[in-house]
Amino acid sequence: MRRFEVGEVLDVDYNHAKKRSAIEKAIETGTRVAKKIDELELKLSNDKIEKIKLAKRMVIMMQNTRWLRWLRMVIMILKG
Protein backbone atom coordinates (compact mmCIF):
# COMPACT_ATOMS: atom_id res chain seq x y z
CA MET A 1 0.00 0.00 0.00
CA ARG A 2 1.24 3.45 -0.90
CA ARG A 3 2.30 5.84 1.87
CA PHE A 4 1.15 9.43 1.65
CA GLU A 5 3.32 12.40 2.47
CA VAL A 6 2.23 14.95 5.08
CA GLY A 7 0.31 17.76 3.38
CA GLU A 8 -0.16 15.81 0.14
CA VAL A 9 -3.36 16.69 -1.68
CA LEU A 10 -5.47 13.61 -2.33
CA ASP A 11 -7.68 13.49 -5.41
CA VAL A 12 -11.05 12.29 -4.10
CA ASP A 13 -13.86 11.68 -6.55
CA TYR A 14 -17.23 12.83 -5.17
CA ASN A 15 -19.10 9.97 -6.92
CA HIS A 16 -16.86 7.36 -5.32
CA ALA A 17 -17.58 8.81 -1.88
CA LYS A 18 -21.33 8.71 -2.65
CA LYS A 19 -21.08 5.06 -3.75
CA ARG A 20 -19.29 4.10 -0.55
CA SER A 21 -21.97 5.70 1.64
CA ALA A 22 -24.68 3.97 -0.45
CA ILE A 23 -22.96 0.63 0.18
CA GLU A 24 -22.84 1.28 3.93
CA LYS A 25 -26.55 2.22 4.00
CA ALA A 26 -27.54 -0.89 2.05
CA ILE A 27 -25.54 -3.15 4.38
CA GLU A 28 -27.20 -1.52 7.41
CA THR A 29 -30.64 -2.02 5.83
CA GLY A 30 -29.92 -5.68 5.10
CA THR A 31 -28.79 -6.19 8.69
CA ARG A 32 -31.96 -4.50 10.00
CA VAL A 33 -34.16 -6.73 7.83
CA ALA A 34 -32.39 -9.86 9.10
CA LYS A 35 -32.87 -8.72 12.73
CA LYS A 36 -36.60 -8.06 12.16
CA ILE A 37 -36.97 -11.57 10.71
CA ASP A 38 -35.23 -12.99 13.81
CA GLU A 39 -37.68 -11.12 16.07
CA LEU A 40 -40.66 -12.44 14.08
CA GLU A 41 -39.40 -16.03 14.37
CA LEU A 42 -39.70 -15.85 18.15
CA LYS A 43 -43.39 -14.87 17.99
CA LEU A 44 -44.72 -17.37 15.41
CA SER A 45 -45.70 -21.04 15.18
CA ASN A 46 -43.51 -23.72 13.52
CA ASP A 47 -45.13 -23.75 10.05
CA LYS A 48 -44.77 -19.99 9.73
CA ILE A 49 -41.19 -20.18 11.02
CA GLU A 50 -40.27 -22.40 8.04
CA LYS A 51 -41.60 -19.78 5.60
CA ILE A 52 -39.73 -17.04 7.44
CA LYS A 53 -36.48 -19.02 7.39
CA LEU A 54 -36.86 -19.38 3.62
CA ALA A 55 -37.47 -15.62 3.28
CA LYS A 56 -34.48 -14.92 5.50
CA ARG A 57 -32.27 -17.16 3.37
CA MET A 58 -33.43 -15.30 0.28
CA VAL A 59 -32.64 -11.93 1.88
CA ILE A 60 -29.20 -13.16 2.88
CA MET A 61 -28.55 -14.53 -0.62
CA MET A 62 -29.63 -11.21 -2.16
CA GLN A 63 -27.33 -9.41 0.24
CA ASN A 64 -24.42 -11.70 -0.68
CA THR A 65 -24.78 -11.22 -4.44
CA ARG A 66 -25.05 -7.46 -3.97
CA TRP A 67 -22.18 -7.59 -1.52
CA LEU A 68 -19.95 -9.30 -4.11
CA ARG A 69 -20.87 -6.69 -6.71
CA TRP A 70 -20.14 -3.88 -4.24
CA LEU A 71 -16.91 -5.51 -3.18
CA ARG A 72 -15.77 -5.61 -6.82
CA MET A 73 -16.78 -1.98 -7.21
CA VAL A 74 -14.88 -0.92 -4.06
CA ILE A 75 -11.81 -2.81 -5.24
CA MET A 76 -12.04 -1.04 -8.61
CA ILE A 77 -12.37 2.32 -6.81
CA LEU A 78 -9.35 1.60 -4.62
CA LYS A 79 -7.28 0.43 -7.61
CA GLY A 80 -8.47 3.35 -9.78
C-alpha atoms as a PDB file:
ATOM      1  CA  MET A   1       0.000   0.000   0.000  1.00  0.00           C
ATOM      2  CA  ARG A   2       1.245   3.451  -0.899  1.00  0.00           C
ATOM      3  CA  ARG A   3       2.302   5.839   1.868  1.00  0.00           C
ATOM      4  CA  PHE A   4       1.153   9.433   1.647  1.00  0.00           C
ATOM      5  CA  GLU A   5       3.317  12.403   2.474  1.00  0.00           C
ATOM      6  CA  VAL A   6       2.229  14.946   5.080  1.00  0.00           C
ATOM      7  CA  GLY A   7       0.314  17.757   3.378  1.00  0.00           C
ATOM      8  CA  GLU A   8      -0.158  15.808   0.137  1.00  0.00           C
ATOM      9  CA  VAL A   9      -3.364  16.690  -1.684  1.00  0.00           C
ATOM     10  CA  LEU A  10      -5.471  13.606  -2.325  1.00  0.00           C
ATOM     11  CA  ASP A  11      -7.676  13.485  -5.414  1.00  0.00           C
ATOM     12  CA  VAL A  12     -11.049  12.287  -4.099  1.00  0.00           C
ATOM     13  CA  ASP A  13     -13.864  11.678  -6.551  1.00  0.00           C
ATOM     14  CA  TYR A  14     -17.234  12.828  -5.173  1.00  0.00           C
ATOM     15  CA  ASN A  15     -19.099   9.975  -6.916  1.00  0.00           C
ATOM     16  CA  HIS A  16     -16.864   7.361  -5.319  1.00  0.00           C
ATOM     17  CA  ALA A  17     -17.580   8.815  -1.875  1.00  0.00           C
ATOM     18  CA  LYS A  18     -21.326   8.706  -2.653  1.00  0.00           C
ATOM     19  CA  LYS A  19     -21.082   5.061  -3.753  1.00  0.00           C
ATOM     20  CA  ARG A  20     -19.287   4.098  -0.548  1.00  0.00           C
ATOM     21  CA  SER A  21     -21.975   5.704   1.638  1.00  0.00           C
ATOM     22  CA  ALA A  22     -24.678   3.966  -0.446  1.00  0.00           C
ATOM     23  CA  ILE A  23     -22.963   0.626   0.175  1.00  0.00           C
ATOM     24  CA  GLU A  24     -22.835   1.279   3.927  1.00  0.00           C
ATOM     25  CA  LYS A  25     -26.547   2.224   4.003  1.00  0.00           C
ATOM     26  CA  ALA A  26     -27.540  -0.887   2.045  1.00  0.00           C
ATOM     27  CA  ILE A  27     -25.544  -3.147   4.379  1.00  0.00           C
ATOM     28  CA  GLU A  28     -27.200  -1.523   7.413  1.00  0.00           C
ATOM     29  CA  THR A  29     -30.641  -2.016   5.831  1.00  0.00           C
ATOM     30  CA  GLY A  30     -29.918  -5.683   5.099  1.00  0.00           C
ATOM     31  CA  THR A  31     -28.792  -6.190   8.690  1.00  0.00           C
ATOM     32  CA  ARG A  32     -31.958  -4.496  10.004  1.00  0.00           C
ATOM     33  CA  VAL A  33     -34.159  -6.732   7.826  1.00  0.00           C
ATOM     34  CA  ALA A  34     -32.387  -9.861   9.098  1.00  0.00           C
ATOM     35  CA  LYS A  35     -32.873  -8.717  12.731  1.00  0.00           C
ATOM     36  CA  LYS A  36     -36.601  -8.065  12.161  1.00  0.00           C
ATOM     37  CA  ILE A  37     -36.970 -11.570  10.712  1.00  0.00           C
ATOM     38  CA  ASP A  38     -35.227 -12.987  13.813  1.00  0.00           C
ATOM     39  CA  GLU A  39     -37.679 -11.120  16.073  1.00  0.00           C
ATOM     40  CA  LEU A  40     -40.659 -12.440  14.079  1.00  0.00           C
ATOM     41  CA  GLU A  41     -39.395 -16.026  14.367  1.00  0.00           C
ATOM     42  CA  LEU A  42     -39.700 -15.853  18.146  1.00  0.00           C
ATOM     43  CA  LYS A  43     -43.386 -14.875  17.987  1.00  0.00           C
ATOM     44  CA  LEU A  44     -44.722 -17.372  15.413  1.00  0.00           C
ATOM     45  CA  SER A  45     -45.702 -21.045  15.182  1.00  0.00           C
ATOM     46  CA  ASN A  46     -43.514 -23.716  13.521  1.00  0.00           C
ATOM     47  CA  ASP A  47     -45.126 -23.755  10.046  1.00  0.00           C
ATOM     48  CA  LYS A  48     -44.769 -19.991   9.730  1.00  0.00           C
ATOM     49  CA  ILE A  49     -41.193 -20.175  11.021  1.00  0.00           C
ATOM     50  CA  GLU A  50     -40.273 -22.403   8.039  1.00  0.00           C
ATOM     51  CA  LYS A  51     -41.596 -19.783   5.603  1.00  0.00           C
ATOM     52  CA  ILE A  52     -39.728 -17.039   7.438  1.00  0.00           C
ATOM     53  CA  LYS A  53     -36.484 -19.018   7.391  1.00  0.00           C
ATOM     54  CA  LEU A  54     -36.861 -19.375   3.623  1.00  0.00           C
ATOM     55  CA  ALA A  55     -37.466 -15.619   3.282  1.00  0.00           C
ATOM     56  CA  LYS A  56     -34.479 -14.924   5.498  1.00  0.00           C
ATOM     57  CA  ARG A  57     -32.270 -17.160   3.374  1.00  0.00           C
ATOM     58  CA  MET A  58     -33.425 -15.305   0.277  1.00  0.00           C
ATOM     59  CA  VAL A  59     -32.640 -11.929   1.882  1.00  0.00           C
ATOM     60  CA  ILE A  60     -29.196 -13.163   2.881  1.00  0.00           C
ATOM     61  CA  MET A  61     -28.553 -14.535  -0.623  1.00  0.00           C
ATOM     62  CA  MET A  62     -29.633 -11.214  -2.155  1.00  0.00           C
ATOM     63  CA  GLN A  63     -27.326  -9.413   0.238  1.00  0.00           C
ATOM     64  CA  ASN A  64     -24.424 -11.702  -0.683  1.00  0.00           C
ATOM     65  CA  THR A  65     -24.784 -11.219  -4.441  1.00  0.00           C
ATOM     66  CA  ARG A  66     -25.051  -7.461  -3.966  1.00  0.00           C
ATOM     67  CA  TRP A  67     -22.177  -7.585  -1.517  1.00  0.00           C
ATOM     68  CA  LEU A  68     -19.950  -9.301  -4.108  1.00  0.00           C
ATOM     69  CA  ARG A  69     -20.870  -6.691  -6.709  1.00  0.00           C
ATOM     70  CA  TRP A  70     -20.138  -3.885  -4.243  1.00  0.00           C
ATOM     71  CA  LEU A  71     -16.909  -5.511  -3.184  1.00  0.00           C
ATOM     72  CA  ARG A  72     -15.769  -5.615  -6.816  1.00  0.00           C
ATOM     73  CA  MET A  73     -16.783  -1.975  -7.211  1.00  0.00           C
ATOM     74  CA  VAL A  74     -14.884  -0.922  -4.062  1.00  0.00           C
ATOM     75  CA  ILE A  75     -11.808  -2.812  -5.241  1.00  0.00           C
ATOM     76  CA  MET A  76     -12.038  -1.039  -8.609  1.00  0.00           C
ATOM     77  CA  ILE A  77     -12.375   2.317  -6.814  1.00  0.00           C
ATOM     78  CA  LEU A  78      -9.355   1.602  -4.620  1.00  0.00           C
ATOM     79  CA  LYS A  79      -7.279   0.434  -7.611  1.00  0.00           C
ATOM     80  CA  GLY A  80      -8.472   3.348  -9.782  1.00  0.00           C
END
